[in-house]
Protein backbone atom coordinates (compact mmCIF):
# COMPACT_ATOMS: atom_id res chain seq x y z
CA MET A 1 -29.59 144.31 328.73
CA GLN A 2 -27.97 147.50 329.93
CA ILE A 3 -26.48 147.44 333.44
CA PRO A 4 -27.41 150.41 335.62
CA ASN A 5 -24.90 152.52 337.50
CA VAL A 6 -25.04 151.86 341.25
CA ARG A 7 -24.22 154.96 343.25
CA LYS A 8 -24.70 156.62 346.60
CA ALA A 9 -28.01 158.52 346.76
CA THR A 10 -27.88 162.30 347.10
CA LEU A 11 -30.33 164.84 348.40
CA ALA A 12 -31.07 165.67 344.74
CA ASP A 13 -32.63 162.16 344.46
CA LEU A 14 -35.16 162.79 347.24
CA GLN A 15 -38.17 163.44 344.99
CA THR A 16 -37.83 160.09 343.24
CA LEU A 17 -36.94 158.30 346.47
CA LYS A 18 -40.12 159.65 348.06
CA GLN A 19 -42.08 158.11 345.17
CA PHE A 20 -40.25 154.82 345.74
CA LYS A 21 -41.15 155.04 349.42
CA LEU A 22 -44.84 155.45 348.59
CA GLY A 23 -44.65 152.54 346.15
CA LEU A 24 -43.05 150.35 348.81
CA ILE A 25 -45.67 151.28 351.38
CA GLN A 26 -48.49 150.56 348.91
CA ALA A 27 -46.94 147.15 348.19
CA GLU A 28 -46.59 146.33 351.89
CA LEU A 29 -49.99 147.58 353.12
CA PRO A 30 -51.84 144.43 351.96
CA MET A 31 -49.20 142.27 353.69
CA ASP A 32 -49.41 143.98 357.08
CA GLU A 33 -52.70 144.83 358.76
CA THR A 34 -50.83 146.67 361.54
CA ILE A 35 -49.69 149.51 359.25
CA LYS A 36 -51.86 152.62 359.51
CA LYS A 37 -53.72 153.05 356.23
CA ASP A 38 -52.73 156.72 355.98
CA THR A 39 -49.02 155.97 356.41
CA THR A 40 -46.84 157.85 353.97
CA SER A 41 -43.45 157.26 355.54
CA TYR A 42 -41.41 154.90 357.60
CA TYR A 43 -37.99 155.98 356.47
CA ASP A 44 -36.07 159.17 357.15
CA LEU A 45 -34.49 159.34 353.72
CA GLU A 46 -32.45 162.49 354.42
CA ALA A 47 -30.89 160.85 357.48
CA LEU A 48 -30.12 157.69 355.52
CA ILE A 49 -28.35 159.79 352.89
CA THR A 50 -26.35 161.93 355.32
CA ASP A 51 -25.64 159.59 358.26
CA ASP A 52 -22.12 158.09 358.36
CA ASN A 53 -23.52 154.77 359.60
CA SER A 54 -25.91 154.43 356.64
CA GLU A 55 -25.42 153.86 352.95
CA LEU A 56 -28.44 154.59 350.74
CA LEU A 57 -27.75 153.42 347.21
CA VAL A 58 -29.65 153.80 343.97
CA ALA A 59 -29.37 152.12 340.60
CA GLU A 60 -29.57 154.60 337.74
CA LEU A 61 -30.19 153.75 334.11
CA ASP A 62 -30.12 156.48 331.43
CA GLY A 63 -30.73 159.17 334.07
CA GLU A 64 -33.66 157.28 335.66
CA LEU A 65 -33.56 155.75 339.13
CA VAL A 66 -34.59 152.09 338.81
CA ALA A 67 -33.91 150.72 342.31
CA SER A 68 -33.01 151.69 345.86
CA GLY A 69 -31.79 150.11 349.07
CA TYR A 70 -29.90 150.98 352.21
CA ALA A 71 -27.64 149.40 354.77
CA GLN A 72 -27.42 150.82 358.27
CA ILE A 73 -24.87 149.83 360.89
CA ILE A 74 -26.67 149.45 364.20
CA PRO A 75 -25.64 148.08 367.60
CA ASP A 76 -26.87 144.57 368.27
CA ARG A 77 -27.84 142.89 371.52
CA PRO A 78 -24.96 142.59 374.01
CA TYR A 79 -25.26 138.80 374.42
CA LEU A 80 -24.59 138.08 370.71
CA LYS A 81 -21.18 137.19 369.26
CA HIS A 82 -21.10 140.40 367.22
CA ASP A 83 -21.41 143.98 368.46
CA PHE A 84 -23.04 145.44 365.34
CA GLN A 85 -25.26 144.33 362.51
CA GLY A 86 -25.84 145.67 359.06
CA TYR A 87 -29.57 146.16 358.65
CA LEU A 88 -30.90 146.30 355.07
CA GLY A 89 -34.07 148.10 354.08
CA PHE A 90 -35.87 150.19 351.46
CA MET A 91 -35.09 147.54 348.86
CA TYR A 92 -37.37 148.75 346.09
CA VAL A 93 -37.59 148.34 342.33
CA PRO A 94 -40.52 149.97 340.49
CA GLU A 95 -42.79 147.38 338.89
CA GLU A 96 -41.77 148.22 335.33
CA HIS A 97 -38.11 147.46 336.16
CA ARG A 98 -38.53 144.25 338.16
CA GLY A 99 -36.94 141.02 337.03
CA ASN A 100 -33.77 142.67 335.69
CA GLY A 101 -31.47 141.89 338.62
CA TYR A 102 -31.30 145.46 339.89
CA ASN A 103 -32.08 144.48 343.48
CA LYS A 104 -29.20 141.97 343.38
CA LEU A 105 -26.81 144.68 342.15
CA LEU A 106 -27.76 146.92 345.07
CA LEU A 107 -27.69 144.05 347.53
CA ASN A 108 -24.14 143.13 346.54
CA ALA A 109 -22.99 146.75 346.78
CA LEU A 110 -24.58 147.13 350.24
CA LEU A 111 -23.00 143.89 351.48
CA LYS A 112 -19.63 145.10 350.18
CA TRP A 113 -20.11 148.40 352.06
CA CYS A 114 -20.93 146.54 355.30
CA LYS A 115 -17.90 144.33 354.88
CA SER A 116 -15.68 147.38 354.31
CA ARG A 117 -16.94 148.67 357.67
CA ARG A 118 -16.04 145.29 359.27
CA VAL A 119 -19.70 144.45 359.87
CA PHE A 120 -20.37 140.84 358.91
CA GLU A 121 -23.78 140.07 360.45
CA ILE A 122 -26.45 141.22 358.00
CA LYS A 123 -30.19 141.20 358.67
CA LEU A 124 -33.34 142.32 356.93
CA ASP A 125 -37.07 141.95 357.39
CA VAL A 126 -39.35 140.51 354.74
CA TYR A 127 -43.02 139.59 354.97
CA ASP A 128 -43.70 135.85 354.97
CA THR A 129 -46.29 136.37 352.22
CA ASN A 130 -43.80 138.18 349.95
CA LEU A 131 -42.69 135.01 348.17
CA PRO A 132 -40.69 136.68 345.35
CA ALA A 133 -38.64 138.65 347.90
CA LEU A 134 -38.13 135.57 350.08
CA ARG A 135 -36.86 133.60 347.08
CA ALA A 136 -34.55 136.44 346.02
CA TYR A 137 -33.01 136.82 349.48
CA GLU A 138 -32.62 133.06 349.91
CA LYS A 139 -30.96 132.91 346.49
CA ALA A 140 -28.56 135.62 347.72
CA GLY A 141 -27.65 133.45 350.71
CA PHE A 142 -29.97 134.72 353.43
CA LYS A 143 -31.54 132.14 355.72
CA LYS A 144 -34.67 132.38 357.81
CA HIS A 145 -33.51 132.82 361.37
CA LEU A 146 -36.18 133.99 363.76
CA ILE A 147 -39.92 134.05 363.16
CA ASN A 148 -41.71 137.13 364.47
CA MET A 149 -45.28 136.22 365.44
CA ARG A 150 -48.16 138.49 366.39
CA LEU A 151 -51.64 138.22 367.83
CA ASP A 152 -54.31 140.93 368.01
CA ILE A 153 -56.31 140.16 371.19
CA ARG A 154 -58.75 143.07 370.86
CA ASP A 155 -61.73 140.81 370.01
CA ILE A 156 -60.67 137.65 371.82
CA GLU A 157 -62.51 136.57 374.95
CA LEU A 158 -59.90 135.88 377.62
């Protein structure tokens, strides 16, 4: 198996990254009834590429982008032991390239970038029904920490 080149995304990658974004949204729509059905974006890709506190990476194989992911350094809550966290998102591998370890390559590169910025607390969000992603992140060392629960009370008699 050929190992892809992991590199920082550029503005020239935007067209493909927009397709990845749509693929990610389509994958997540069935997992989250709160997402508007006409949603076409929840990432500002240009900002993630150009912002000094973000690192948007891609994996490229023979001139084709085969995976994406970002880390963003954001302030955390003042009562926690750390001042900043590295938040990971846009972890996407097109279906035809899944199962090749590309997400792990990007994950390791993003963790290395966070560490180089002296940010050691890393968080990400994953749907509880996305079992392959949960297994992959747990295999990488992530642990479930806080459960986010929701309730739609629109049709409940109170």
